Protein backbone atom coordinates (compact mmCIF):
# COMPACT_ATOMS: atom_id res chain seq x y z
CA MET A 1 48.12 167.64 48.54
CA SER A 2 47.05 164.66 46.48
CA PHE A 3 47.95 163.98 42.85
CA LEU A 4 44.44 165.06 41.82
CA LEU A 5 44.06 168.04 44.13
CA SER A 6 47.30 169.53 42.88
CA LEU A 7 45.55 169.97 39.52
CA LEU A 8 43.01 172.32 41.10
CA LEU A 9 45.46 175.10 41.84
CA LEU A 10 44.95 178.34 39.92
CA GLN A 11 47.50 179.18 37.26
CA ALA A 12 49.35 182.36 38.22
CA ALA A 13 50.02 185.19 35.79
CA ALA A 14 53.39 185.00 34.05
CA THR A 15 55.96 187.80 33.76
CA GLN A 16 59.56 187.93 32.60
CA THR A 17 62.81 189.26 34.06
CA PRO A 18 66.25 190.06 32.66
CA PRO A 19 68.71 187.16 32.71
CA LEU A 20 70.36 186.31 36.05
CA THR A 21 67.97 188.62 37.92
CA PRO A 22 65.38 187.02 40.23
CA ALA A 23 62.40 189.38 40.54
CA VAL A 24 60.59 189.17 43.87
CA LYS A 25 57.12 190.25 44.92
CA THR A 26 55.41 189.85 48.26
CA ALA A 27 52.58 187.32 48.54
CA PRO A 28 49.10 188.64 49.44
CA PRO A 29 48.86 189.51 53.17
CA THR A 30 46.01 187.02 53.60
CA SER A 31 48.52 184.13 53.41
CA LYS A 32 49.17 182.54 56.80
CA TRP A 33 52.79 181.97 55.93
CA PRO A 34 55.09 184.89 54.94
CA ALA A 35 55.68 183.57 51.44
CA ARG A 36 57.33 185.57 48.69
CA ASP A 37 56.78 184.83 44.99
CA ALA A 38 59.52 185.30 42.41
CA HIS A 39 60.55 184.22 38.95
CA TYR A 40 63.86 183.64 37.19
CA THR A 41 64.45 183.70 33.46
CA ILE A 42 66.96 181.38 31.82
CA ARG A 43 68.04 182.72 28.45
CA GLY A 44 68.52 180.29 25.56
CA PHE A 45 67.47 177.19 27.45
CA ARG A 46 68.08 174.04 25.39
CA PHE A 47 66.03 170.91 26.04
CA ARG A 48 67.25 167.32 25.74
CA SER A 49 65.12 167.01 22.60
CA GLY A 50 67.30 169.62 20.91
CA ASP A 51 64.56 172.25 20.99
CA ALA A 52 65.22 175.56 22.70
CA LEU A 53 63.36 178.52 24.14
CA PRO A 54 64.87 182.00 23.97
CA ALA A 55 63.59 182.60 27.50
CA LEU A 56 62.45 179.95 29.99
CA ARG A 57 60.63 181.35 33.02
CA ILE A 58 60.85 179.45 36.31
CA ALA A 59 58.49 180.68 39.02
CA TYR A 60 59.10 179.91 42.66
CA THR A 61 57.93 180.74 46.17
CA MET A 62 60.18 181.33 49.18
CA LEU A 63 59.89 181.29 52.95
CA GLY A 64 62.60 182.18 55.44
CA GLN A 65 65.92 183.80 54.61
CA PRO A 66 69.30 182.54 53.36
CA HIS A 67 72.02 182.05 55.96
CA ARG A 68 75.71 182.24 55.11
CA ASN A 69 78.46 180.34 56.86
CA ALA A 70 81.94 181.62 57.70
CA ARG A 71 82.98 181.14 54.06
CA GLY A 72 80.07 183.23 52.86
CA GLU A 73 78.20 180.24 51.39
CA ILE A 74 74.46 179.71 51.75
CA ASP A 75 74.07 176.69 54.02
CA ASN A 76 70.35 176.47 54.89
CA ALA A 77 68.53 176.16 51.54
CA VAL A 78 65.79 173.55 51.23
CA MET A 79 63.94 172.84 47.97
CA VAL A 80 60.59 171.02 47.86
CA LEU A 81 59.43 169.71 44.47
CA HIS A 82 55.75 169.24 43.62
CA GLY A 83 53.94 166.46 41.76
CA THR A 84 52.39 166.29 38.30
CA GLY A 85 49.95 169.16 37.80
CA GLY A 86 50.97 170.94 41.00
CA THR A 87 52.80 174.13 41.93
CA GLY A 88 55.24 175.12 44.62
CA ARG A 89 52.48 176.94 46.46
CA GLN A 90 50.72 173.68 47.24
CA PHE A 91 53.29 173.32 50.04
CA LEU A 92 51.65 176.23 51.86
CA SER A 93 48.62 174.01 52.55
CA PRO A 94 47.94 173.35 56.27
CA GLN A 95 48.58 169.59 56.08
CA PHE A 96 52.12 170.32 54.93
CA ALA A 97 53.08 173.80 56.11
CA ASP A 98 51.47 173.74 59.55
CA GLU A 99 53.33 170.53 60.38
CA LEU A 100 56.76 171.65 59.18
CA TYR A 101 57.39 175.41 59.05
CA GLY A 102 56.58 176.59 62.58
CA PRO A 103 58.94 177.22 65.53
CA GLY A 104 60.80 174.07 66.49
CA GLN A 105 59.32 172.07 63.59
CA PRO A 106 61.56 170.20 61.12
CA LEU A 107 61.64 172.99 58.50
CA ASP A 108 61.33 175.93 60.90
CA ILE A 109 61.45 178.96 58.60
CA THR A 110 63.50 180.93 61.14
CA ARG A 111 66.28 178.36 60.48
CA TYR A 112 65.78 177.32 56.84
CA TRP A 113 65.35 179.08 53.51
CA ILE A 114 62.56 177.17 51.78
CA ILE A 115 62.39 177.30 47.97
CA LEU A 116 59.27 175.96 46.24
CA PRO A 117 59.64 176.07 42.44
CA ASP A 118 56.99 175.54 39.79
CA GLY A 119 58.36 172.92 37.40
CA ILE A 120 58.56 173.58 33.67
CA GLY A 121 55.02 173.34 32.28
CA HIS A 122 53.40 174.05 35.66
CA GLY A 123 52.01 177.00 37.59
CA ALA A 124 53.54 180.34 36.61
CA SER A 125 56.56 178.79 34.90
CA SER A 126 56.77 178.61 31.09
CA LYS A 127 54.21 176.16 29.70
CA PRO A 128 52.30 175.25 26.53
CA SER A 129 49.25 177.34 27.44
CA ASP A 130 51.37 180.50 27.35
CA GLY A 131 50.83 180.42 23.59
CA LEU A 132 52.96 177.77 21.89
CA HIS A 133 50.44 175.01 22.63
CA MET A 134 51.71 171.70 21.19
CA ARG A 135 54.71 173.50 19.66
CA PHE A 136 56.14 173.95 23.15
CA PRO A 137 59.32 171.84 23.61
CA HIS A 138 58.48 168.36 24.89
CA TYR A 139 60.26 168.59 28.22
CA ASP A 140 61.09 165.66 30.49
CA TYR A 141 62.28 165.28 34.10
CA ASP A 142 65.91 165.83 33.13
CA ASP A 143 64.97 169.19 31.61
CA MET A 144 63.02 170.09 34.74
CA VAL A 145 65.94 169.21 37.02
CA GLU A 146 68.37 171.15 34.82
CA ALA A 147 66.12 174.24 35.05
CA GLN A 148 65.92 173.83 38.83
CA TYR A 149 69.71 173.62 39.00
CA ARG A 150 70.06 176.79 36.94
CA LEU A 151 67.63 178.55 39.27
CA LEU A 152 69.46 177.46 42.43
CA HIS A 153 73.05 177.72 41.21
CA ASP A 154 72.97 180.60 38.74
CA GLY A 155 69.95 182.54 39.93
CA LEU A 156 70.16 182.20 43.72
CA GLY A 157 73.88 181.60 44.15
CA ILE A 158 73.53 178.31 46.04
CA ARG A 159 76.49 175.94 45.87
CA ARG A 160 75.11 173.19 48.11
CA MET A 161 71.57 172.49 49.28
CA ARG A 162 70.81 171.48 52.84
CA LEU A 163 67.97 169.28 51.57
CA ILE A 164 66.08 168.42 48.39
CA MET A 165 62.76 166.68 48.87
CA GLY A 166 59.83 166.05 46.57
CA THR A 167 56.44 164.40 46.23
CA SER A 168 55.33 162.09 43.39
CA MET A 169 56.91 163.65 40.29
CA GLY A 170 59.07 165.61 42.71
CA CYS A 171 60.02 162.31 44.35
CA MET A 172 61.26 161.00 41.02
CA GLN A 173 63.07 164.26 40.34
CA SER A 174 64.79 163.93 43.73
CA LEU A 175 66.33 160.68 42.49
CA VAL A 176 67.31 162.34 39.21
CA TRP A 177 68.95 165.09 41.28
CA GLY A 178 70.88 162.51 43.28
CA GLU A 179 72.21 160.87 40.13
CA THR A 180 72.89 164.03 38.13
CA TYR A 181 74.31 166.26 40.86
CA PRO A 182 75.41 163.83 43.59
CA ASP A 183 77.28 166.44 45.67
CA PHE A 184 74.79 169.30 45.40
CA ALA A 185 72.51 168.29 48.30
CA ARG A 186 73.48 167.20 51.80
CA ALA A 187 70.32 165.10 52.03
CA LEU A 188 67.47 163.80 49.85
CA MET A 189 63.91 162.90 50.82
CA PRO A 190 61.82 161.35 48.02
CA LEU A 191 58.15 160.80 48.84
CA ALA A 192 55.86 158.49 46.83
CA CYS A 193 57.61 157.10 43.77
CA GLU A 194 59.43 154.12 42.28
CA PRO A 195 63.03 154.01 41.01
CA VAL A 196 62.19 152.45 37.63
CA GLU A 197 60.86 153.75 34.34
CA ILE A 198 57.16 154.59 34.15
CA ALA A 199 55.76 151.36 32.72
CA GLY A 200 53.17 148.77 33.64
CA LEU A 201 49.87 150.11 34.94
CA ASN A 202 51.44 153.45 35.83
CA ARG A 203 52.20 154.18 32.19
CA MET A 204 48.90 152.69 31.01
CA TRP A 205 46.62 155.05 32.92
CA ARG A 206 48.78 158.05 31.97
CA LYS A 207 48.60 157.04 28.31
CA LEU A 208 44.82 156.58 28.52
CA ALA A 209 44.44 160.03 30.05
CA ILE A 210 46.51 161.60 27.26
CA ASP A 211 44.60 159.63 24.61
CA GLY A 212 41.29 160.72 26.15
CA ILE A 213 42.20 164.36 25.59
CA LYS A 214 43.56 163.86 22.09
CA ALA A 215 40.53 161.79 21.02
CA ASP A 216 38.15 164.64 21.79
CA PRO A 217 37.41 166.38 18.43
CA ALA A 218 37.36 169.71 20.27
CA TRP A 219 41.08 169.30 21.11
CA ALA A 220 41.86 170.04 17.44
CA GLY A 221 45.49 169.04 17.66
CA GLY A 222 45.97 171.40 20.58
CA GLU A 223 44.58 174.45 18.80
CA TYR A 224 41.18 174.36 20.47
CA ALA A 225 38.91 177.39 20.55
CA THR A 226 37.06 176.10 23.61
CA PRO A 227 38.34 173.54 26.16
CA PRO A 228 37.92 169.89 25.11
CA VAL A 229 35.65 169.12 28.05
CA GLN A 230 34.96 165.48 27.22
CA GLY A 231 38.64 164.68 26.90
CA LEU A 232 39.44 166.53 30.09
CA ARG A 233 36.69 164.64 31.91
CA THR A 234 38.23 161.33 30.83
CA ALA A 235 41.67 162.41 32.01
CA ALA A 236 40.39 163.91 35.26
CA SER A 237 38.44 160.75 36.07
CA LEU A 238 41.55 158.62 35.65
CA LEU A 239 43.56 161.06 37.78
CA PHE A 240 40.90 160.91 40.48
CA VAL A 241 41.02 157.11 40.69
CA ALA A 242 44.83 157.03 40.58
CA GLY A 243 45.14 159.44 43.49
CA ALA A 244 42.34 158.00 45.62
CA ALA A 245 42.59 156.42 49.09
CA PRO A 246 40.25 153.37 49.36
CA LEU A 247 39.91 153.08 53.15
CA TYR A 248 39.74 156.83 53.68
CA PHE A 249 37.04 157.32 51.06
CA GLN A 250 35.09 154.32 52.30
CA ASP A 251 35.13 155.83 55.79
CA ARG A 252 34.19 159.33 54.61
CA TYR A 253 31.65 158.33 51.94
CA PRO A 254 29.98 155.04 52.97
CA GLY A 255 26.74 155.93 51.12
CA ARG A 256 26.32 155.68 47.35
CA ASP A 257 24.83 159.15 46.80
CA ALA A 258 27.50 160.98 48.80
CA ALA A 259 30.28 159.02 47.10
CA GLU A 260 28.95 159.78 43.62
CA ALA A 261 28.42 163.46 44.43
CA PHE A 262 31.96 163.85 45.77
CA ALA A 263 33.54 162.20 42.74
CA GLU A 264 31.50 164.30 40.32
CA GLN A 265 32.37 167.49 42.18
CA ARG A 266 36.11 166.76 42.25
CA VAL A 267 36.26 165.88 38.55
CA ALA A 268 34.26 168.99 37.61
CA ALA A 269 36.57 171.19 39.69
CA SER A 270 39.62 169.62 38.07
CA ILE A 271 38.29 170.28 34.58
CA ALA A 272 37.63 173.91 35.42
CA GLY A 273 41.22 174.48 36.55
CA THR A 274 43.18 172.54 33.94
CA ASP A 275 44.48 173.39 30.46
CA ALA A 276 44.36 170.35 28.18
CA ASN A 277 47.72 170.90 26.47
CA ASP A 278 49.45 171.57 29.77
CA LEU A 279 48.05 168.32 31.16
CA VAL A 280 49.18 166.30 28.14
CA TYR A 281 52.72 167.58 28.59
CA GLN A 282 52.66 167.10 32.38
CA LEU A 283 51.62 163.47 32.10
CA ASP A 284 54.07 162.71 29.30
CA ALA A 285 57.10 164.32 30.99
CA SER A 286 57.76 161.02 32.79
CA ARG A 287 58.33 159.12 29.53
CA THR A 288 62.17 159.09 29.77
CA TYR A 289 62.47 158.66 33.54
CA ALA A 290 64.66 155.60 34.22
CA PRO A 291 67.02 155.95 37.21
CA TRP A 292 67.44 152.23 37.96
CA SER A 293 70.75 151.68 36.18
CA ARG A 294 72.55 154.55 37.96
CA LEU A 295 71.34 154.27 41.55
CA GLU A 296 74.91 153.79 42.83
CA ALA A 297 75.57 157.41 41.82
CA ILE A 298 73.24 158.59 44.60
CA THR A 299 75.61 159.17 47.50
CA ALA A 300 73.70 161.80 49.51
CA PRO A 301 72.03 160.44 52.67
CA THR A 302 68.45 159.60 51.68
CA THR A 303 65.20 158.86 53.46
CA TRP A 304 62.55 157.46 51.10
CA ILE A 305 58.89 157.16 52.07
CA ASN A 306 56.01 155.42 50.25
CA SER A 307 52.52 154.60 51.54
CA ALA A 308 50.84 151.20 51.43
CA ASP A 309 47.54 152.49 50.01
CA ASP A 310 49.14 154.24 47.03
CA PHE A 311 47.55 153.06 43.76
CA ILE A 312 50.31 154.64 41.69
CA ASN A 313 53.14 153.01 43.67
CA PRO A 314 51.71 149.66 44.85
CA ARG A 315 53.07 148.25 48.10
CA ALA A 316 53.75 144.85 46.48
CA LEU A 317 56.49 146.34 44.29
CA ASP A 318 59.84 145.80 46.01
CA TYR A 319 61.86 148.24 43.91
CA PRO A 320 62.53 150.78 46.71
CA GLN A 321 63.88 148.12 49.07
CA ARG A 322 66.16 146.80 46.34
CA ALA A 323 67.18 150.32 45.36
CA VAL A 324 68.29 151.51 48.80
CA ALA A 325 70.57 148.46 49.05
CA ARG A 326 72.48 149.87 46.07
CA MET A 327 72.66 153.44 47.39
CA LYS A 328 75.42 154.61 49.71
CA ASP A 329 73.32 155.85 52.65
CA ALA A 330 69.61 155.30 52.09
CA ARG A 331 66.67 154.19 54.21
CA PHE A 332 63.15 153.24 53.11
CA ARG A 333 59.89 153.13 55.06
CA MET A 334 56.41 152.10 53.97
CA ILE A 335 53.60 153.92 55.80
CA PRO A 336 50.90 151.34 56.72
CA GLU A 337 47.44 151.74 55.19
CA SER A 338 44.68 153.02 57.46
CA ALA A 339 41.37 154.88 57.27
CA ASP A 340 43.41 158.02 57.94
CA THR A 341 46.07 157.74 55.23
CA ARG A 342 45.36 159.46 51.91
CA GLY A 343 46.54 157.07 49.23
CA HIS A 344 49.05 158.70 46.92
CA GLY A 345 48.33 162.01 48.64
CA THR A 346 49.87 160.79 51.89
CA HIS A 347 53.05 162.32 50.48
CA THR A 348 51.80 165.78 51.43
CA ALA A 349 50.19 164.87 54.77
CA ALA A 350 53.38 165.61 56.68
CA ARG A 351 52.21 164.25 60.04
CA PHE A 352 52.73 160.74 58.69
CA TRP A 353 56.43 161.23 58.00
CA LYS A 354 57.69 164.41 59.63
CA GLN A 355 59.61 162.43 62.25
CA ASP A 356 61.45 160.70 59.40
CA LEU A 357 62.34 164.14 58.06
CA ALA A 358 63.54 165.31 61.47
CA ASP A 359 65.70 162.19 61.79
CA LEU A 360 67.21 162.75 58.33
CA LEU A 361 68.11 166.35 59.15
CA ARG A 362 69.58 165.26 62.48
CA ARG A 363 71.75 162.54 60.95
CA THR A 364 73.08 164.92 58.29
CA ASP A 365 73.53 167.95 60.55
């Protein structure tokens, strides 16, 4: 799923559980994949800012079952981390799930226990739109990774992951995982990101999207009575361009009228499914991301994939190639641009990189 399309997912209803007790419910039977939704509550979660929440809810989706080795330890857990504005359930989409979860496929759910969390501020996890609005703690990627660790380690009893992979924001969080908990995953697979702080054009368009929302008088400092539609339209338009695929869209929409109609429809759909405060927080969560100085700490075998038509992570930037040279066991591949690749969204079109995933699992088996 692309950076923009991830914003179109519906926000699930939020519930709470007692501490250290994952509550599980079965997904609707209409789902192709036998997914199970759950949530875990972390009591007294403290953010890097110093703020705290008495109860932080982390929602997640699961496929497959845990397997325990001779020592009784779970040895088949795989976590997939979504991008900005997304949810774990985006990884049930056909372009991802149908390529990976079936019999004999790289993440065959009869072999692996797949865990798809909603990051802080996303989906059914705790977020500003639950009621605190702009008083919600200003989380960053380190906070999100810490909450994921608490879910896996404390909530699900996992001591070592078979694989952690992620797309876009999840790609960056995969690198944070590698630096913060270097022995917790047997393998890492970041998809579509850079190993440096969010600066340059990447920070500029994010800042303009945030400013567009805040400049709308209807936003009212986050206490809006009705959605700030003009501000959301500005932000959604920037998101659309950032996540676009030039050759693919030129091939699909060669006529002016069709191109304009598609863009208008996608932006309108994004506005309808997005809370303004949630989006401000989601875009700003990257503000402290800066893994460059500690790349040597990443010792887990890593396969890193970017795509050449990605506006957000331009192919001319050589940071990934320089980064893998400093990591213990890392490989990088750039997917060539074509009329079939999906720009930034190539990260979720698994057919472009599933052989890389299979090779990573094989070399770390």
